[in-house]
């Protein structure tokens, strides 16, 4: 599966467009980790637990988008975008979406 944020794929020709595909996940923070993050906020620096959680969320959302595209018969997704939304005080949604296509070598 080819994934790209651009409208075209170098060396490929889009032969069929299937339309919008997407994947998402909603993650909640752990209260104990929020306390530790609060301490980290006082001294500065990366909050590694949140970095890891967001990386895992992105990968899960991408995997779900790929499954959606494959179910349509696509071999690529173009124009990929990410969006996040706060669902409640301690939970957020991560959404990835793009256009499923079939492409062939030029």
PDB file of N, CA and C in Angstrom:
ATOM      1  N   UNK A   1       0.858  -1.181   0.000  1.00  0.00           N
ATOM      2  CA  UNK A   1       0.000   0.000   0.000  1.00  0.00           C
ATOM      3  C   UNK A   1       0.894   1.231   0.000  1.00  0.00           C
ATOM      4  N   UNK A   2       0.664   2.095  -0.970  1.00  0.00           N
ATOM      5  CA  UNK A   2       1.391   3.366  -1.059  1.00  0.00           C
ATOM      6  C   UNK A   2       0.569   4.424  -0.323  1.00  0.00           C
ATOM      7  N   UNK A   3       1.227   5.157   0.555  1.00  0.00           N
ATOM      8  CA  UNK A   3       0.575   6.226   1.315  1.00  0.00           C
ATOM      9  C   UNK A   3       1.328   7.522   1.062  1.00  0.00           C
ATOM     10  N   UNK A   4       0.584   8.594   0.732  1.00  0.00           N
ATOM     11  CA  UNK A   4       1.237   9.861   0.482  1.00  0.00           C
ATOM     12  C   UNK A   4       0.317  11.034   0.828  1.00  0.00           C
ATOM     13  N   UNK A   5       0.934  12.139   1.200  1.00  0.00           N
ATOM     14  CA  UNK A   5       0.172  13.356   1.480  1.00  0.00           C
ATOM     15  C   UNK A   5      -0.037  14.184   0.216  1.00  0.00           C
ATOM     16  N   UNK A   6       0.581  13.779  -0.882  1.00  0.00           N
ATOM     17  CA  UNK A   6       0.471  14.525  -2.135  1.00  0.00           C
ATOM     18  C   UNK A   6      -0.695  14.005  -2.975  1.00  0.00           C
ATOM     19  N   UNK A   7      -1.037  14.757  -4.035  1.00  0.00           N
ATOM     20  CA  UNK A   7      -2.123  14.360  -4.919  1.00  0.00           C
ATOM     21  C   UNK A   7      -1.695  13.339  -5.961  1.00  0.00           C
ATOM     22  N   UNK A   8      -0.405  13.261  -6.237  1.00  0.00           N
ATOM     23  CA  UNK A   8       0.122  12.355  -7.254  1.00  0.00           C
ATOM     24  C   UNK A   8       1.248  11.519  -6.654  1.00  0.00           C
ATOM     25  N   UNK A   9       1.559  10.424  -7.331  1.00  0.00           N
ATOM     26  CA  UNK A   9       2.647   9.542  -6.897  1.00  0.00           C
ATOM     27  C   UNK A   9       3.659   9.501  -8.032  1.00  0.00           C
ATOM     28  N   UNK A  10       4.863   9.900  -7.742  1.00  0.00           N
ATOM     29  CA  UNK A  10       5.916   9.947  -8.745  1.00  0.00           C
ATOM     30  C   UNK A  10       6.109   8.574  -9.388  1.00  0.00           C
ATOM     31  N   UNK A  11       6.108   8.543 -10.719  1.00  0.00           N
ATOM     32  CA  UNK A  11       6.310   7.300 -11.456  1.00  0.00           C
ATOM     33  C   UNK A  11       5.074   6.429 -11.564  1.00  0.00           C
ATOM     34  N   UNK A  12       3.948   6.926 -11.091  1.00  0.00           N
ATOM     35  CA  UNK A  12       2.691   6.162 -11.124  1.00  0.00           C
ATOM     36  C   UNK A  12       1.601   6.989 -11.786  1.00  0.00           C
ATOM     37  N   UNK A  13       0.606   6.288 -12.331  1.00  0.00           N
ATOM     38  CA  UNK A  13      -0.565   6.931 -12.905  1.00  0.00           C
ATOM     39  C   UNK A  13      -1.789   6.409 -12.157  1.00  0.00           C
ATOM     40  N   UNK A  14      -2.612   7.316 -11.665  1.00  0.00           N
ATOM     41  CA  UNK A  14      -3.838   6.913 -10.980  1.00  0.00           C
ATOM     42  C   UNK A  14      -4.842   6.476 -12.030  1.00  0.00           C
ATOM     43  N   UNK A  15      -5.317   5.241 -11.916  1.00  0.00           N
ATOM     44  CA  UNK A  15      -6.235   4.684 -12.910  1.00  0.00           C
ATOM     45  C   UNK A  15      -7.674   4.577 -12.407  1.00  0.00           C
ATOM     46  N   UNK A  16      -7.851   4.602 -11.093  1.00  0.00           N
ATOM     47  CA  UNK A  16      -9.202   4.524 -10.542  1.00  0.00           C
ATOM     48  C   UNK A  16      -9.220   5.230  -9.191  1.00  0.00           C
ATOM     49  N   UNK A  17     -10.271   5.988  -8.939  1.00  0.00           N
ATOM     50  CA  UNK A  17     -10.452   6.676  -7.664  1.00  0.00           C
ATOM     51  C   UNK A  17     -11.655   6.060  -6.975  1.00  0.00           C
ATOM     52  N   UNK A  18     -11.454   5.588  -5.740  1.00  0.00           N
ATOM     53  CA  UNK A  18     -12.538   4.961  -4.972  1.00  0.00           C
ATOM     54  C   UNK A  18     -13.239   5.955  -4.055  1.00  0.00           C
ATOM     55  N   UNK A  19     -12.518   6.952  -3.604  1.00  0.00           N
ATOM     56  CA  UNK A  19     -13.105   7.955  -2.729  1.00  0.00           C
ATOM     57  C   UNK A  19     -12.478   7.972  -1.344  1.00  0.00           C
ATOM     58  N   UNK A  20     -13.179   8.614  -0.433  1.00  0.00           N
ATOM     59  CA  UNK A  20     -12.689   8.852   0.921  1.00  0.00           C
ATOM     60  C   UNK A  20     -12.543   7.555   1.715  1.00  0.00           C
ATOM     61  N   UNK A  21     -11.403   7.432   2.375  1.00  0.00           N
ATOM     62  CA  UNK A  21     -11.176   6.362   3.354  1.00  0.00           C
ATOM     63  C   UNK A  21     -10.668   7.012   4.627  1.00  0.00           C
ATOM     64  N   UNK A  22     -10.917   6.345   5.736  1.00  0.00           N
ATOM     65  CA  UNK A  22     -10.509   6.943   7.007  1.00  0.00           C
ATOM     66  C   UNK A  22     -10.259   5.875   8.051  1.00  0.00           C
ATOM     67  N   UNK A  23      -9.546   6.287   9.074  1.00  0.00           N
ATOM     68  CA  UNK A  23      -9.320   5.459  10.245  1.00  0.00           C
ATOM     69  C   UNK A  23      -9.221   6.373  11.440  1.00  0.00           C
ATOM     70  N   UNK A  24      -9.699   5.902  12.575  1.00  0.00           N
ATOM     71  CA  UNK A  24      -9.618   6.756  13.758  1.00  0.00           C
ATOM     72  C   UNK A  24      -9.448   5.912  15.014  1.00  0.00           C
ATOM     73  N   UNK A  25      -9.079   6.576  16.068  1.00  0.00           N
ATOM     74  CA  UNK A  25      -8.999   5.969  17.384  1.00  0.00           C
ATOM     75  C   UNK A  25      -9.246   7.063  18.412  1.00  0.00           C
ATOM     76  N   UNK A  26      -9.804   6.672  19.529  1.00  0.00           N
ATOM     77  CA  UNK A  26     -10.008   7.610  20.638  1.00  0.00           C
ATOM     78  C   UNK A  26      -9.246   7.059  21.826  1.00  0.00           C
ATOM     79  N   UNK A  27      -8.410   7.872  22.394  1.00  0.00           N
ATOM     80  CA  UNK A  27      -7.577   7.458  23.519  1.00  0.00           C
ATOM     81  C   UNK A  27      -7.840   8.335  24.722  1.00  0.00           C
ATOM     82  N   UNK A  28      -7.844   7.708  25.882  1.00  0.00           N
ATOM     83  CA  UNK A  28      -7.995   8.434  27.145  1.00  0.00           C
ATOM     84  C   UNK A  28      -6.673   8.412  27.889  1.00  0.00           C
ATOM     85  N   UNK A  29      -6.401   9.489  28.579  1.00  0.00           N
ATOM     86  CA  UNK A  29      -5.179   9.566  29.380  1.00  0.00           C
ATOM     87  C   UNK A  29      -5.393   8.852  30.703  1.00  0.00           C
ATOM     88  N   UNK A  30      -4.308   8.391  31.277  1.00  0.00           N
ATOM     89  CA  UNK A  30      -4.313   7.734  32.574  1.00  0.00           C
ATOM     90  C   UNK A  30      -4.087   8.793  33.648  1.00  0.00           C
ATOM     91  N   UNK A  31      -4.933   8.806  34.671  1.00  0.00           N
ATOM     92  CA  UNK A  31      -4.858   9.837  35.715  1.00  0.00           C
ATOM     93  C   UNK A  31      -3.479   9.883  36.367  1.00  0.00           C
ATOM     94  N   UNK A  32      -2.903   8.733  36.652  1.00  0.00           N
ATOM     95  CA  UNK A  32      -1.569   8.689  37.260  1.00  0.00           C
ATOM     96  C   UNK A  32      -0.516   9.327  36.365  1.00  0.00           C
ATOM     97  N   UNK A  33      -0.638   9.102  35.062  1.00  0.00           N
ATOM     98  CA  UNK A  33       0.326   9.690  34.129  1.00  0.00           C
ATOM     99  C   UNK A  33       0.103  11.193  34.014  1.00  0.00           C
ATOM    100  N   UNK A  34      -1.156  11.648  34.194  1.00  0.00           N
ATOM    101  CA  UNK A  34      -1.427  13.080  34.188  1.00  0.00           C
ATOM    102  C   UNK A  34      -0.698  13.784  35.330  1.00  0.00           C
ATOM    103  N   UNK A  35      -0.648  13.133  36.481  1.00  0.00           N
ATOM    104  CA  UNK A  35       0.041  13.713  37.641  1.00  0.00           C
ATOM    105  C   UNK A  35       1.526  13.846  37.344  1.00  0.00           C
ATOM    106  N   UNK A  36       2.114  12.776  36.780  1.00  0.00           N
ATOM    107  CA  UNK A  36       3.538  12.825  36.433  1.00  0.00           C
ATOM    108  C   UNK A  36       3.799  13.871  35.343  1.00  0.00           C
ATOM    109  N   UNK A  37       2.877  13.977  34.390  1.00  0.00           N
ATOM    110  CA  UNK A  37       3.023  14.980  33.333  1.00  0.00           C
ATOM    111  C   UNK A  37       2.957  16.388  33.924  1.00  0.00           C
ATOM    112  N   UNK A  38       2.123  16.561  34.942  1.00  0.00           N
ATOM    113  CA  UNK A  38       2.041  17.863  35.614  1.00  0.00           C
ATOM    114  C   UNK A  38       3.366  18.254  36.233  1.00  0.00           C
ATOM    115  N   UNK A  39       4.043  17.281  36.851  1.00  0.00           N
ATOM    116  CA  UNK A  39       5.369  17.556  37.410  1.00  0.00           C
ATOM    117  C   UNK A  39       6.364  17.895  36.305  1.00  0.00           C
ATOM    118  N   UNK A  40       6.293  17.142  35.195  1.00  0.00           N
ATOM    119  CA  UNK A  40       7.202  17.387  34.071  1.00  0.00           C
ATOM    120  C   UNK A  40       6.957  18.776  33.491  1.00  0.00           C
ATOM    121  N   UNK A  41       5.712  19.211  33.519  1.00  0.00           N
ATOM    122  CA  UNK A  41       5.359  20.529  33.008  1.00  0.00           C
ATOM    123  C   UNK A  41       6.048  21.633  33.810  1.00  0.00           C
ATOM    124  N   UNK A  42       6.281  21.384  35.084  1.00  0.00           N
ATOM    125  CA  UNK A  42       6.943  22.380  35.933  1.00  0.00           C
ATOM    126  C   UNK A  42       8.405  22.576  35.557  1.00  0.00           C
ATOM    127  N   UNK A  43       9.084  21.488  35.190  1.00  0.00           N
ATOM    128  CA  UNK A  43      10.515  21.576  34.889  1.00  0.00           C
ATOM    129  C   UNK A  43      10.805  21.610  33.388  1.00  0.00           C
ATOM    130  N   UNK A  44       9.810  21.287  32.571  1.00  0.00           N
ATOM    131  CA  UNK A  44       9.990  21.310  31.115  1.00  0.00           C
ATOM    132  C   UNK A  44      10.507  19.994  30.575  1.00  0.00           C
ATOM    133  N   UNK A  45      10.437  19.847  29.267  1.00  0.00           N
ATOM    134  CA  UNK A  45      10.932  18.650  28.597  1.00  0.00           C
ATOM    135  C   UNK A  45       9.810  17.820  28.002  1.00  0.00           C
ATOM    136  N   UNK A  46      10.212  16.787  27.324  1.00  0.00           N
ATOM    137  CA  UNK A  46       9.257  15.902  26.643  1.00  0.00           C
ATOM    138  C   UNK A  46       8.508  15.043  27.646  1.00  0.00           C
ATOM    139  N   UNK A  47       7.237  14.850  27.399  1.00  0.00           N
ATOM    140  CA  UNK A  47       6.430  13.939  28.200  1.00  0.00           C
ATOM    141  C   UNK A  47       6.353  12.638  27.415  1.00  0.00           C
ATOM    142  N   UNK A  48       7.277  11.747  27.704  1.00  0.00           N
ATOM    143  CA  UNK A  48       7.489  10.534  26.899  1.00  0.00           C
ATOM    144  C   UNK A  48       6.249   9.638  26.823  1.00  0.00           C
ATOM    145  N   UNK A  49       5.503   9.515  27.913  1.00  0.00           N
ATOM    146  CA  UNK A  49       4.313   8.663  27.894  1.00  0.00           C
ATOM    147  C   UNK A  49       3.280   9.176  26.891  1.00  0.00           C
ATOM    148  N   UNK A  50       3.111  10.487  26.808  1.00  0.00           N
ATOM    149  CA  UNK A  50       2.154  11.049  25.854  1.00  0.00           C
ATOM    150  C   UNK A  50       2.679  10.940  24.424  1.00  0.00           C
ATOM    151  N   UNK A  51       3.969  11.110  24.246  1.00  0.00           N
ATOM    152  CA  UNK A  51       4.565  10.943  22.925  1.00  0.00           C
ATOM    153  C   UNK A  51       4.320   9.529  22.422  1.00  0.00           C
ATOM    154  N   UNK A  52       4.539   8.556  23.296  1.00  0.00           N
ATOM    155  CA  UNK A  52       4.312   7.154  22.932  1.00  0.00           C
ATOM    156  C   UNK A  52       2.837   6.901  22.623  1.00  0.00           C
ATOM    157  N   UNK A  53       1.941   7.438  23.447  1.00  0.00           N
ATOM    158  CA  UNK A  53       0.513   7.243  23.241  1.00  0.00           C
ATOM    159  C   UNK A  53       0.067   7.827  21.895  1.00  0.00           C
ATOM    160  N   UNK A  54       0.549   9.009  21.546  1.00  0.00           N
ATOM    161  CA  UNK A  54       0.161   9.619  20.278  1.00  0.00           C
ATOM    162  C   UNK A  54       0.737   8.856  19.091  1.00  0.00           C
ATOM    163  N   UNK A  55       1.966   8.359  19.203  1.00  0.00           N
ATOM    164  CA  UNK A  55       2.557   7.565  18.121  1.00  0.00           C
ATOM    165  C   UNK A  55       1.750   6.281  17.898  1.00  0.00           C
ATOM    166  N   UNK A  56       1.367   5.626  18.983  1.00  0.00           N
ATOM    167  CA  UNK A  56       0.550   4.412  18.870  1.00  0.00           C
ATOM    168  C   UNK A  56      -0.808   4.730  18.269  1.00  0.00           C
ATOM    169  N   UNK A  57      -1.391   5.854  18.649  1.00  0.00           N
ATOM    170  CA  UNK A  57      -2.684   6.270  18.107  1.00  0.00           C
ATOM    171  C   UNK A  57      -2.603   6.522  16.609  1.00  0.00           C
ATOM    172  N   UNK A  58      -1.542   7.212  16.176  1.00  0.00           N
ATOM    173  CA  UNK A  58      -1.366   7.467  14.740  1.00  0.00           C
ATOM    174  C   UNK A  58      -1.251   6.171  13.971  1.00  0.00           C
ATOM    175  N   UNK A  59      -0.445   5.229  14.470  1.00  0.00           N
ATOM    176  CA  UNK A  59      -0.261   3.960  13.773  1.00  0.00           C
ATOM    177  C   UNK A  59      -1.566   3.169  13.698  1.00  0.00           C
ATOM    178  N   UNK A  60      -2.333   3.151  14.780  1.00  0.00           N
ATOM    179  CA  UNK A  60      -3.598   2.429  14.775  1.00  0.00           C
ATOM    180  C   UNK A  60      -4.580   3.067  13.785  1.00  0.00           C
ATOM    181  N   UNK A  61      -4.652   4.376  13.761  1.00  0.00           N
ATOM    182  CA  UNK A  61      -5.551   5.063  12.830  1.00  0.00           C
ATOM    183  C   UNK A  61      -5.128   4.805  11.380  1.00  0.00           C
ATOM    184  N   UNK A  62      -3.821   4.849  11.101  1.00  0.00           N
ATOM    185  CA  UNK A  62      -3.322   4.565   9.753  1.00  0.00           C
ATOM    186  C   UNK A  62      -3.667   3.135   9.353  1.00  0.00           C
ATOM    187  N   UNK A  63      -3.454   2.176  10.251  1.00  0.00           N
ATOM    188  CA  UNK A  63      -3.787   0.780   9.952  1.00  0.00           C
ATOM    189  C   UNK A  63      -5.266   0.632   9.610  1.00  0.00           C
ATOM    190  N   UNK A  64      -6.117   1.321  10.328  1.00  0.00           N
ATOM    191  CA  UNK A  64      -7.559   1.246  10.062  1.00  0.00           C
ATOM    192  C   UNK A  64      -7.907   1.885   8.717  1.00  0.00           C
ATOM    193  N   UNK A  65      -7.224   2.973   8.360  1.00  0.00           N
ATOM    194  CA  UNK A  65      -7.452   3.594   7.059  1.00  0.00           C
ATOM    195  C   UNK A  65      -7.012   2.652   5.936  1.00  0.00           C
ATOM    196  N   UNK A  66      -5.865   1.999   6.119  1.00  0.00           N
ATOM    197  CA  UNK A  66      -5.373   1.041   5.117  1.00  0.00           C
ATOM    198  C   UNK A  66      -6.374  -0.092   4.938  1.00  0.00           C
ATOM    199  N   UNK A  67      -6.916  -0.626   6.030  1.00  0.00           N
ATOM    200  CA  UNK A  67      -7.926  -1.686   5.933  1.00  0.00           C
ATOM    201  C   UNK A  67      -9.132  -1.215   5.130  1.00  0.00           C
ATOM    202  N   UNK A  68      -9.561   0.025   5.373  1.00  0.00           N
ATOM    203  CA  UNK A  68     -10.689   0.601   4.641  1.00  0.00           C
ATOM    204  C   UNK A  68     -10.367   0.670   3.153  1.00  0.00           C
ATOM    205  N   UNK A  69      -9.167   1.147   2.807  1.00  0.00           N
ATOM    206  CA  UNK A  69      -8.754   1.268   1.402  1.00  0.00           C
ATOM    207  C   UNK A  69      -8.641  -0.106   0.743  1.00  0.00           C
ATOM    208  N   UNK A  70      -8.056  -1.071   1.431  1.00  0.00           N
ATOM    209  CA  UNK A  70      -7.900  -2.411   0.863  1.00  0.00           C
ATOM    210  C   UNK A  70      -9.252  -3.073   0.622  1.00  0.00           C
ATOM    211  N   UNK A  71     -10.219  -2.799   1.485  1.00  0.00           N
ATOM    212  CA  UNK A  71     -11.549  -3.394   1.313  1.00  0.00           C
ATOM    213  C   UNK A  71     -12.234  -2.890   0.036  1.00  0.00           C
ATOM    214  N   UNK A  72     -11.801  -1.735  -0.457  1.00  0.00           N
ATOM    215  CA  UNK A  72     -12.335  -1.187  -1.701  1.00  0.00           C
ATOM    216  C   UNK A  72     -11.562  -1.680  -2.925  1.00  0.00           C
ATOM    217  N   UNK A  73     -10.391  -2.287  -2.699  1.00  0.00           N
ATOM    218  CA  UNK A  73      -9.559  -2.741  -3.799  1.00  0.00           C
ATOM    219  C   UNK A  73      -8.441  -1.776  -4.166  1.00  0.00           C
ATOM    220  N   UNK A  74      -8.235  -0.761  -3.367  1.00  0.00           N
ATOM    221  CA  UNK A  74      -7.207   0.246  -3.651  1.00  0.00           C
ATOM    222  C   UNK A  74      -5.809  -0.297  -3.337  1.00  0.00           C
ATOM    223  N   UNK A  75      -4.805   0.269  -4.018  1.00  0.00           N
ATOM    224  CA  UNK A  75      -3.421  -0.071  -3.701  1.00  0.00           C
ATOM    225  C   UNK A  75      -2.626   1.153  -3.248  1.00  0.00           C
ATOM    226  N   UNK A  76      -3.340   2.283  -3.073  1.00  0.00           N
ATOM    227  CA  UNK A  76      -2.686   3.501  -2.598  1.00  0.00           C
ATOM    228  C   UNK A  76      -3.725   4.428  -1.980  1.00  0.00           C
ATOM    229  N   UNK A  77      -3.237   5.330  -1.120  1.00  0.00           N
ATOM    230  CA  UNK A  77      -4.066   6.395  -0.566  1.00  0.00           C
ATOM    231  C   UNK A  77      -3.290   7.693  -0.749  1.00  0.00           C
ATOM    232  N   UNK A  78      -3.933   8.660  -1.397  1.00  0.00           N
ATOM    233  CA  UNK A  78      -3.301   9.957  -1.650  1.00  0.00           C
ATOM    234  C   UNK A  78      -3.996  11.034  -0.821  1.00  0.00           C
ATOM    235  N   UNK A  79      -3.359  12.183  -0.748  1.00  0.00           N
ATOM    236  CA  UNK A  79      -3.913  13.351  -0.033  1.00  0.00           C
ATOM    237  C   UNK A  79      -4.226  13.035   1.434  1.00  0.00           C
ATOM    238  N   UNK A  80      -3.355  12.307   2.100  1.00  0.00           N
ATOM    239  CA  UNK A  80      -3.588  11.921   3.487  1.00  0.00           C
ATOM    240  C   UNK A  80      -3.464  13.134   4.399  1.00  0.00           C
ATOM    241  N   UNK A  81      -4.386  13.227   5.345  1.00  0.00           N
ATOM    242  CA  UNK A  81      -4.395  14.297   6.343  1.00  0.00           C
ATOM    243  C   UNK A  81      -4.698  13.704   7.713  1.00  0.00           C
ATOM    244  N   UNK A  82      -4.246  14.395   8.745  1.00  0.00           N
ATOM    245  CA  UNK A  82      -4.515  14.009  10.130  1.00  0.00           C
ATOM    246  C   UNK A  82      -5.319  15.107  10.807  1.00  0.00           C
ATOM    247  N   UNK A  83      -6.182  14.713  11.730  1.00  0.00           N
ATOM    248  CA  UNK A  83      -6.941  15.679  12.522  1.00  0.00           C
ATOM    249  C   UNK A  83      -7.099  15.118  13.928  1.00  0.00           C
ATOM    250  N   UNK A  84      -7.121  15.996  14.900  1.00  0.00           N
ATOM    251  CA  UNK A  84      -7.378  15.583  16.283  1.00  0.00           C
ATOM    252  C   UNK A  84      -8.516  16.424  16.847  1.00  0.00           C
ATOM    253  N   UNK A  85      -9.262  15.794  17.734  1.00  0.00           N
ATOM    254  CA  UNK A  85     -10.383  16.465  18.377  1.00  0.00           C
ATOM    255  C   UNK A  85     -10.425  16.046  19.834  1.00  0.00           C
ATOM    256  N   UNK A  86     -10.620  17.003  20.706  1.00  0.00           N
ATOM    257  CA  UNK A  86     -10.792  16.691  22.121  1.00  0.00           C
ATOM    258  C   UNK A  86     -12.225  16.209  22.319  1.00  0.00           C
ATOM    259  N   UNK A  87     -12.368  15.000  22.855  1.00  0.00           N
ATOM    260  CA  UNK A  87     -13.693  14.418  23.058  1.00  0.00           C
ATOM    261  C   UNK A  87     -14.259  14.785  24.431  1.00  0.00           C
ATOM    262  N   UNK A  88     -13.390  14.827  25.409  1.00  0.00           N
ATOM    263  CA  UNK A  88     -13.735  15.210  26.766  1.00  0.00           C
ATOM    264  C   UNK A  88     -12.434  15.617  27.434  1.00  0.00           C
ATOM    265  N   UNK A  89     -12.459  15.949  28.692  1.00  0.00           N
ATOM    266  CA  UNK A  89     -11.265  16.487  29.341  1.00  0.00           C
ATOM    267  C   UNK A  89     -10.059  15.553  29.240  1.00  0.00           C
ATOM    268  N   UNK A  90     -10.266  14.256  29.291  1.00  0.00           N
ATOM    269  CA  UNK A  90      -9.111  13.356  29.310  1.00  0.00           C
ATOM    270  C   UNK A  90      -9.078  12.393  28.128  1.00  0.00           C
ATOM    271  N   UNK A  91      -9.800  12.686  27.042  1.00  0.00           N
ATOM    272  CA  UNK A  91      -9.800  11.803  25.875  1.00  0.00           C
ATOM    273  C   UNK A  91      -9.768  12.627  24.601  1.00  0.00           C
ATOM    274  N   UNK A  92      -9.101  12.075  23.587  1.00  0.00           N
ATOM    275  CA  UNK A  92      -9.004  12.751  22.301  1.00  0.00           C
ATOM    276  C   UNK A  92      -9.125  11.734  21.175  1.00  0.00           C
ATOM    277  N   UNK A  93      -9.675  12.207  20.057  1.00  0.00           N
ATOM    278  CA  UNK A  93      -9.766  11.380  18.857  1.00  0.00           C
ATOM    279  C   UNK A  93      -8.651  11.780  17.910  1.00  0.00           C
ATOM    280  N   UNK A  94      -8.045  10.786  17.280  1.00  0.00           N
ATOM    281  CA  UNK A  94      -7.097  11.023  16.215  1.00  0.00           C
ATOM    282  C   UNK A  94      -7.700  10.408  14.964  1.00  0.00           C
ATOM    283  N   UNK A  95      -7.857  11.208  13.917  1.00  0.00           N
ATOM    284  CA  UNK A  95      -8.457  10.783  12.658  1.00  0.00           C
ATOM    285  C   UNK A  95      -7.449  10.961  11.541  1.00  0.00           C
ATOM    286  N   UNK A  96      -7.343   9.962  10.682  1.00  0.00           N
ATOM    287  CA  UNK A  96      -6.530  10.075   9.474  1.00  0.00           C
ATOM    288  C   UNK A  96      -7.456   9.763   8.303  1.00  0.00           C
ATOM    289  N   UNK A  97      -7.330  10.541   7.218  1.00  0.00           N
ATOM    290  CA  UNK A  97      -8.202  10.317   6.072  1.00  0.00           C
ATOM    291  C   UNK A  97      -7.469  10.667   4.780  1.00  0.00           C
ATOM    292  N   UNK A  98      -7.956  10.116   3.696  1.00  0.00           N
ATOM    293  CA  UNK A  98      -7.361  10.367   2.396  1.00  0.00           C
ATOM    294  C   UNK A  98      -8.252   9.813   1.303  1.00  0.00           C
ATOM    295  N   UNK A  99      -7.744   9.800   0.078  1.00  0.00           N
ATOM    296  CA  UNK A  99      -8.476   9.304  -1.076  1.00  0.00           C
ATOM    297  C   UNK A  99      -7.873   7.986  -1.520  1.00  0.00           C
ATOM    298  N   UNK A 100      -8.694   6.936  -1.547  1.00  0.00           N
ATOM    299  CA  UNK A 100      -8.240   5.615  -1.983  1.00  0.00           C
ATOM    300  C   UNK A 100      -8.212   5.571  -3.511  1.00  0.00           C
ATOM    301  N   UNK A 101      -7.128   5.041  -4.050  1.00  0.00           N
ATOM    302  CA  UNK A 101      -6.967   4.967  -5.508  1.00  0.00           C
ATOM    303  C   UNK A 101      -6.276   3.660  -5.891  1.00  0.00           C
ATOM    304  N   UNK A 102      -6.385   3.345  -7.176  1.00  0.00           N
ATOM    305  CA  UNK A 102      -5.538   2.310  -7.775  1.00  0.00           C
ATOM    306  C   UNK A 102      -4.565   3.040  -8.670  1.00  0.00           C
ATOM    307  N   UNK A 103      -3.303   2.682  -8.570  1.00  0.00           N
ATOM    308  CA  UNK A 103      -2.299   3.309  -9.433  1.00  0.00           C
ATOM    309  C   UNK A 103      -1.448   2.218 -10.083  1.00  0.00           C
ATOM    310  N   UNK A 104      -0.863   2.578 -11.234  1.00  0.00           N
ATOM    311  CA  UNK A 104      -0.008   1.671 -11.993  1.00  0.00           C
ATOM    312  C   UNK A 104       1.259   2.398 -12.397  1.00  0.00           C
ATOM    313  N   UNK A 105       2.305   1.638 -12.697  1.00  0.00           N
ATOM    314  CA  UNK A 105       3.536   2.239 -13.180  1.00  0.00           C
ATOM    315  C   UNK A 105       3.280   2.918 -14.516  1.00  0.00           C
ATOM    316  N   UNK A 106       3.990   4.026 -14.736  1.00  0.00           N
ATOM    317  CA  UNK A 106       3.863   4.749 -16.000  1.00  0.00           C
ATOM    318  C   UNK A 106       4.644   4.019 -17.063  1.00  0.00           C
TER     319      UNK A 106
END
